[in-house]
Amino acid sequence: METYLDFSIGSLLKFEEPNLNTNSDIFDFSFGTAAIICTVVIPLTYSIFLWKNKDQMDDKMFKQKWGSLYANIKIFTLDQRVTAIKILSWFLFRRLLTALNLVELRDQTVWI
């Protein structure tokens, strides 16, 4: 989650001026395409996984294995778990929107 914004920006920059002249360029573009797919799929998978396991999130064994996905968040009640999943999903979606804004609107800076 920490590097999600960096990963998203780097992936989106691959599509600015695709250069497909050499095999290396084609590989680089293919890797960028896979990275873009990952930036969309990872938050969805993350949200679905936590939503399906929301009843187990406070379980000790589940926390040991998957607790880093929702570390330092109160999940004692079912309402807190649902809220945590929504907040974490929104956090990743917001990071993706920030990356899109930084890449696509970087030449249109307006000072207020």
N, C-alpha and C. Protein backbone atom coordinates (compact mmCIF):
# COMPACT_ATOMS: atom_id res chain seq x y z
N MET A 1 0.82 -1.19 0.00
CA MET A 1 0.00 0.00 0.00
C MET A 1 0.86 1.26 0.00
N GLU A 2 2.03 1.15 0.59
CA GLU A 2 2.88 2.34 0.68
C GLU A 2 3.34 2.83 -0.69
N THR A 3 3.67 1.91 -1.57
CA THR A 3 4.22 2.30 -2.87
C THR A 3 3.18 2.29 -3.97
N TYR A 4 1.91 2.17 -3.62
CA TYR A 4 0.86 2.09 -4.63
C TYR A 4 0.82 3.34 -5.51
N LEU A 5 0.98 4.51 -4.91
CA LEU A 5 0.96 5.75 -5.69
C LEU A 5 2.14 5.80 -6.65
N ASP A 6 3.33 5.46 -6.17
CA ASP A 6 4.51 5.46 -7.03
C ASP A 6 4.35 4.47 -8.18
N PHE A 7 3.86 3.29 -7.87
CA PHE A 7 3.65 2.26 -8.87
C PHE A 7 2.63 2.71 -9.92
N SER A 8 1.57 3.35 -9.47
CA SER A 8 0.53 3.82 -10.39
C SER A 8 1.05 4.91 -11.31
N ILE A 9 1.80 5.85 -10.78
CA ILE A 9 2.34 6.94 -11.60
C ILE A 9 3.31 6.39 -12.63
N GLY A 10 4.21 5.52 -12.20
CA GLY A 10 5.16 4.93 -13.13
C GLY A 10 4.49 4.14 -14.24
N SER A 11 3.44 3.43 -13.89
CA SER A 11 2.71 2.65 -14.90
C SER A 11 1.98 3.54 -15.88
N LEU A 12 1.37 4.60 -15.37
CA LEU A 12 0.63 5.50 -16.25
C LEU A 12 1.55 6.28 -17.19
N LEU A 13 2.75 6.57 -16.75
CA LEU A 13 3.69 7.31 -17.60
C LEU A 13 4.13 6.49 -18.81
N LYS A 14 4.03 5.18 -18.75
CA LYS A 14 4.40 4.32 -19.88
C LYS A 14 3.49 4.57 -21.09
N PHE A 15 2.29 5.06 -20.84
CA PHE A 15 1.32 5.23 -21.92
C PHE A 15 1.32 6.63 -22.52
N GLU A 16 2.13 7.52 -22.01
CA GLU A 16 2.17 8.88 -22.53
C GLU A 16 2.65 8.91 -23.98
N GLU A 17 3.79 8.32 -24.23
CA GLU A 17 4.34 8.26 -25.58
C GLU A 17 4.87 6.86 -25.82
N PRO A 18 3.99 5.92 -26.17
CA PRO A 18 4.48 4.56 -26.37
C PRO A 18 5.44 4.49 -27.57
N ASN A 19 6.56 3.89 -27.34
CA ASN A 19 7.59 3.74 -28.35
C ASN A 19 7.76 2.24 -28.61
N LEU A 20 7.36 1.76 -29.77
CA LEU A 20 7.36 0.34 -30.05
C LEU A 20 8.32 0.00 -31.20
N ASN A 21 9.52 0.56 -31.17
CA ASN A 21 10.47 0.35 -32.26
C ASN A 21 11.32 -0.91 -32.08
N THR A 22 11.74 -1.22 -30.88
CA THR A 22 12.60 -2.37 -30.64
C THR A 22 11.88 -3.38 -29.75
N ASN A 23 12.48 -4.56 -29.65
CA ASN A 23 11.91 -5.59 -28.79
C ASN A 23 11.90 -5.13 -27.33
N SER A 24 12.90 -4.38 -26.94
CA SER A 24 12.96 -3.85 -25.58
C SER A 24 11.81 -2.89 -25.32
N ASP A 25 11.49 -2.06 -26.29
CA ASP A 25 10.36 -1.13 -26.16
C ASP A 25 9.04 -1.88 -26.04
N ILE A 26 8.90 -2.93 -26.83
CA ILE A 26 7.67 -3.73 -26.79
C ILE A 26 7.53 -4.41 -25.43
N PHE A 27 8.65 -4.94 -24.92
CA PHE A 27 8.62 -5.57 -23.60
C PHE A 27 8.27 -4.54 -22.52
N ASP A 28 8.87 -3.38 -22.61
CA ASP A 28 8.61 -2.31 -21.64
C ASP A 28 7.15 -1.90 -21.67
N PHE A 29 6.58 -1.75 -22.86
CA PHE A 29 5.18 -1.38 -22.98
C PHE A 29 4.27 -2.49 -22.45
N SER A 30 4.63 -3.75 -22.71
CA SER A 30 3.85 -4.89 -22.21
C SER A 30 3.88 -4.93 -20.68
N PHE A 31 5.06 -4.67 -20.12
CA PHE A 31 5.18 -4.64 -18.67
C PHE A 31 4.36 -3.49 -18.09
N GLY A 32 4.36 -2.35 -18.75
CA GLY A 32 3.55 -1.22 -18.31
C GLY A 32 2.07 -1.53 -18.36
N THR A 33 1.65 -2.25 -19.40
CA THR A 33 0.25 -2.65 -19.52
C THR A 33 -0.14 -3.58 -18.37
N ALA A 34 0.71 -4.55 -18.08
CA ALA A 34 0.45 -5.46 -16.96
C ALA A 34 0.40 -4.68 -15.64
N ALA A 35 1.25 -3.69 -15.50
CA ALA A 35 1.27 -2.89 -14.27
C ALA A 35 -0.01 -2.08 -14.12
N ILE A 36 -0.51 -1.52 -15.22
CA ILE A 36 -1.78 -0.77 -15.17
C ILE A 36 -2.92 -1.70 -14.76
N ILE A 37 -2.94 -2.89 -15.31
CA ILE A 37 -3.98 -3.85 -14.93
C ILE A 37 -3.88 -4.16 -13.44
N CYS A 38 -2.66 -4.32 -12.93
CA CYS A 38 -2.47 -4.59 -11.50
C CYS A 38 -2.95 -3.44 -10.63
N THR A 39 -2.74 -2.21 -11.08
CA THR A 39 -3.16 -1.06 -10.25
C THR A 39 -4.67 -0.99 -10.12
N VAL A 40 -5.39 -1.58 -11.05
CA VAL A 40 -6.84 -1.61 -10.94
C VAL A 40 -7.31 -2.87 -10.22
N VAL A 41 -6.67 -4.00 -10.50
CA VAL A 41 -7.11 -5.28 -9.95
C VAL A 41 -6.76 -5.42 -8.46
N ILE A 42 -5.61 -4.92 -8.05
CA ILE A 42 -5.18 -5.10 -6.66
C ILE A 42 -6.17 -4.49 -5.66
N PRO A 43 -6.61 -3.24 -5.83
CA PRO A 43 -7.58 -2.71 -4.86
C PRO A 43 -8.91 -3.48 -4.87
N LEU A 44 -9.36 -3.91 -6.05
CA LEU A 44 -10.60 -4.68 -6.11
C LEU A 44 -10.46 -6.02 -5.40
N THR A 45 -9.36 -6.71 -5.65
CA THR A 45 -9.11 -7.99 -5.00
C THR A 45 -8.98 -7.82 -3.50
N TYR A 46 -8.28 -6.79 -3.11
CA TYR A 46 -8.08 -6.47 -1.69
C TYR A 46 -9.42 -6.24 -1.00
N SER A 47 -10.28 -5.45 -1.61
CA SER A 47 -11.58 -5.15 -1.01
C SER A 47 -12.47 -6.38 -0.95
N ILE A 48 -12.50 -7.15 -2.03
CA ILE A 48 -13.34 -8.36 -2.06
C ILE A 48 -12.85 -9.37 -1.04
N PHE A 49 -11.54 -9.55 -0.95
CA PHE A 49 -10.98 -10.50 0.02
C PHE A 49 -11.35 -10.12 1.45
N LEU A 50 -11.18 -8.86 1.79
CA LEU A 50 -11.52 -8.43 3.15
C LEU A 50 -13.02 -8.50 3.40
N TRP A 51 -13.82 -8.18 2.39
CA TRP A 51 -15.27 -8.22 2.56
C TRP A 51 -15.75 -9.64 2.81
N LYS A 52 -15.17 -10.61 2.08
CA LYS A 52 -15.56 -12.01 2.28
C LYS A 52 -15.12 -12.54 3.64
N ASN A 53 -14.06 -11.99 4.18
CA ASN A 53 -13.51 -12.47 5.45
C ASN A 53 -13.73 -11.49 6.60
N LYS A 54 -14.72 -10.63 6.49
CA LYS A 54 -14.92 -9.61 7.52
C LYS A 54 -15.25 -10.20 8.88
N ASP A 55 -15.83 -11.40 8.91
CA ASP A 55 -16.14 -12.04 10.19
C ASP A 55 -14.90 -12.61 10.86
N GLN A 56 -13.86 -12.86 10.09
CA GLN A 56 -12.64 -13.47 10.63
C GLN A 56 -11.54 -12.45 10.91
N MET A 57 -11.77 -11.19 10.59
CA MET A 57 -10.72 -10.18 10.70
C MET A 57 -10.18 -10.02 12.11
N ASP A 58 -10.97 -10.33 13.12
CA ASP A 58 -10.52 -10.20 14.51
C ASP A 58 -9.94 -11.51 15.05
N ASP A 59 -9.98 -12.57 14.25
CA ASP A 59 -9.44 -13.87 14.63
C ASP A 59 -7.91 -13.81 14.66
N LYS A 60 -7.32 -14.45 15.68
CA LYS A 60 -5.86 -14.37 15.88
C LYS A 60 -5.08 -14.97 14.71
N MET A 61 -5.48 -16.13 14.22
CA MET A 61 -4.78 -16.78 13.11
C MET A 61 -4.89 -15.96 11.82
N PHE A 62 -6.07 -15.42 11.57
CA PHE A 62 -6.28 -14.59 10.38
C PHE A 62 -5.44 -13.32 10.47
N LYS A 63 -5.38 -12.74 11.66
CA LYS A 63 -4.59 -11.52 11.87
C LYS A 63 -3.10 -11.76 11.64
N GLN A 64 -2.62 -12.91 12.08
CA GLN A 64 -1.21 -13.23 11.88
C GLN A 64 -0.86 -13.34 10.40
N LYS A 65 -1.78 -13.88 9.63
CA LYS A 65 -1.51 -14.10 8.21
C LYS A 65 -1.80 -12.86 7.37
N TRP A 66 -2.91 -12.18 7.63
CA TRP A 66 -3.37 -11.09 6.78
C TRP A 66 -3.49 -9.75 7.50
N GLY A 67 -3.05 -9.66 8.72
CA GLY A 67 -3.22 -8.46 9.53
C GLY A 67 -2.53 -7.23 8.99
N SER A 68 -1.49 -7.42 8.19
CA SER A 68 -0.79 -6.25 7.64
C SER A 68 -1.65 -5.49 6.64
N LEU A 69 -2.70 -6.11 6.13
CA LEU A 69 -3.60 -5.41 5.21
C LEU A 69 -4.43 -4.34 5.92
N TYR A 70 -4.66 -4.53 7.20
CA TYR A 70 -5.48 -3.57 7.94
C TYR A 70 -4.86 -3.25 9.30
N ALA A 71 -3.55 -3.09 9.33
CA ALA A 71 -2.83 -2.83 10.57
C ALA A 71 -3.24 -1.48 11.17
N ASN A 72 -3.27 -1.43 12.50
CA ASN A 72 -3.55 -0.22 13.28
C ASN A 72 -4.95 0.34 13.06
N ILE A 73 -5.89 -0.50 12.72
CA ILE A 73 -7.27 -0.08 12.55
C ILE A 73 -8.13 -0.87 13.54
N LYS A 74 -9.03 -0.19 14.22
CA LYS A 74 -9.91 -0.86 15.18
C LYS A 74 -10.93 -1.71 14.43
N ILE A 75 -10.97 -2.99 14.77
CA ILE A 75 -11.89 -3.92 14.10
C ILE A 75 -12.58 -4.82 15.11
N PHE A 76 -12.95 -4.28 16.25
CA PHE A 76 -13.53 -5.10 17.32
C PHE A 76 -14.97 -5.51 17.02
N THR A 77 -15.73 -4.65 16.38
CA THR A 77 -17.12 -4.98 16.07
C THR A 77 -17.29 -5.11 14.55
N LEU A 78 -18.40 -5.69 14.15
CA LEU A 78 -18.67 -5.86 12.72
C LEU A 78 -18.79 -4.52 12.02
N ASP A 79 -19.39 -3.53 12.67
CA ASP A 79 -19.50 -2.20 12.07
C ASP A 79 -18.13 -1.58 11.84
N GLN A 80 -17.22 -1.77 12.79
CA GLN A 80 -15.87 -1.25 12.62
C GLN A 80 -15.14 -1.95 11.48
N ARG A 81 -15.37 -3.25 11.31
CA ARG A 81 -14.74 -3.99 10.21
C ARG A 81 -15.24 -3.50 8.87
N VAL A 82 -16.54 -3.32 8.75
CA VAL A 82 -17.12 -2.84 7.50
C VAL A 82 -16.59 -1.45 7.18
N THR A 83 -16.54 -0.60 8.18
CA THR A 83 -16.03 0.76 7.99
C THR A 83 -14.56 0.72 7.59
N ALA A 84 -13.78 -0.15 8.20
CA ALA A 84 -12.35 -0.27 7.87
C ALA A 84 -12.17 -0.69 6.42
N ILE A 85 -12.96 -1.64 5.96
CA ILE A 85 -12.86 -2.10 4.57
C ILE A 85 -13.20 -0.95 3.62
N LYS A 86 -14.24 -0.21 3.93
CA LYS A 86 -14.62 0.92 3.07
C LYS A 86 -13.54 1.99 3.05
N ILE A 87 -12.97 2.30 4.20
CA ILE A 87 -11.93 3.33 4.27
C ILE A 87 -10.68 2.90 3.52
N LEU A 88 -10.26 1.66 3.71
CA LEU A 88 -9.06 1.18 3.02
C LEU A 88 -9.26 1.12 1.51
N SER A 89 -10.45 0.71 1.08
CA SER A 89 -10.75 0.67 -0.35
C SER A 89 -10.76 2.08 -0.94
N TRP A 90 -11.37 3.00 -0.23
CA TRP A 90 -11.41 4.38 -0.68
C TRP A 90 -10.00 4.98 -0.73
N PHE A 91 -9.16 4.63 0.23
CA PHE A 91 -7.78 5.11 0.27
C PHE A 91 -7.03 4.70 -1.01
N LEU A 92 -7.15 3.44 -1.39
CA LEU A 92 -6.46 2.98 -2.60
C LEU A 92 -7.06 3.60 -3.87
N PHE A 93 -8.38 3.73 -3.91
CA PHE A 93 -9.02 4.35 -5.07
C PHE A 93 -8.60 5.82 -5.18
N ARG A 94 -8.51 6.50 -4.07
CA ARG A 94 -8.08 7.90 -4.07
C ARG A 94 -6.64 8.04 -4.54
N ARG A 95 -5.80 7.08 -4.17
CA ARG A 95 -4.42 7.09 -4.65
C ARG A 95 -4.37 6.92 -6.17
N LEU A 96 -5.22 6.05 -6.70
CA LEU A 96 -5.27 5.86 -8.14
C LEU A 96 -5.73 7.13 -8.84
N LEU A 97 -6.72 7.81 -8.29
CA LEU A 97 -7.19 9.07 -8.87
C LEU A 97 -6.11 10.14 -8.80
N THR A 98 -5.36 10.16 -7.71
CA THR A 98 -4.25 11.11 -7.59
C THR A 98 -3.20 10.85 -8.66
N ALA A 99 -2.88 9.59 -8.89
CA ALA A 99 -1.91 9.24 -9.92
C ALA A 99 -2.41 9.67 -11.31
N LEU A 100 -3.68 9.43 -11.58
CA LEU A 100 -4.26 9.85 -12.87
C LEU A 100 -4.17 11.36 -13.03
N ASN A 101 -4.49 12.09 -11.98
CA ASN A 101 -4.42 13.55 -12.04
C ASN A 101 -2.99 14.04 -12.25
N LEU A 102 -2.05 13.45 -11.53
CA LEU A 102 -0.65 13.87 -11.65
C LEU A 102 -0.10 13.63 -13.04
N VAL A 103 -0.48 12.53 -13.65
CA VAL A 103 0.06 12.20 -14.97
C VAL A 103 -0.67 12.95 -16.08
N GLU A 104 -1.97 12.93 -16.05
CA GLU A 104 -2.74 13.50 -17.15
C GLU A 104 -2.84 15.02 -17.11
N LEU A 105 -2.80 15.60 -15.94
CA LEU A 105 -2.99 17.05 -15.83
C LEU A 105 -1.71 17.78 -15.42
N ARG A 106 -0.56 17.16 -15.60
CA ARG A 106 0.68 17.77 -15.11
C ARG A 106 1.07 19.02 -15.91
N ASP A 107 0.62 19.15 -17.14
CA ASP A 107 0.93 20.34 -17.94
C ASP A 107 -0.12 21.43 -17.80
N GLN A 108 -1.14 21.20 -17.01
CA GLN A 108 -2.23 22.16 -16.88
C GLN A 108 -2.32 22.71 -15.47
N THR A 109 -1.21 23.00 -14.86
CA THR A 109 -1.20 23.52 -13.51
C THR A 109 -1.76 24.93 -13.48
N VAL A 110 -2.66 25.16 -12.57
CA VAL A 110 -3.28 26.47 -12.41
C VAL A 110 -3.00 26.96 -10.99
N TRP A 111 -2.42 28.11 -10.87
CA TRP A 111 -2.14 28.68 -9.55
C TRP A 111 -3.28 29.61 -9.16
N ILE A 112 -3.81 29.39 -8.01
CA ILE A 112 -4.94 30.20 -7.54
C ILE A 112 -4.45 31.22 -6.54
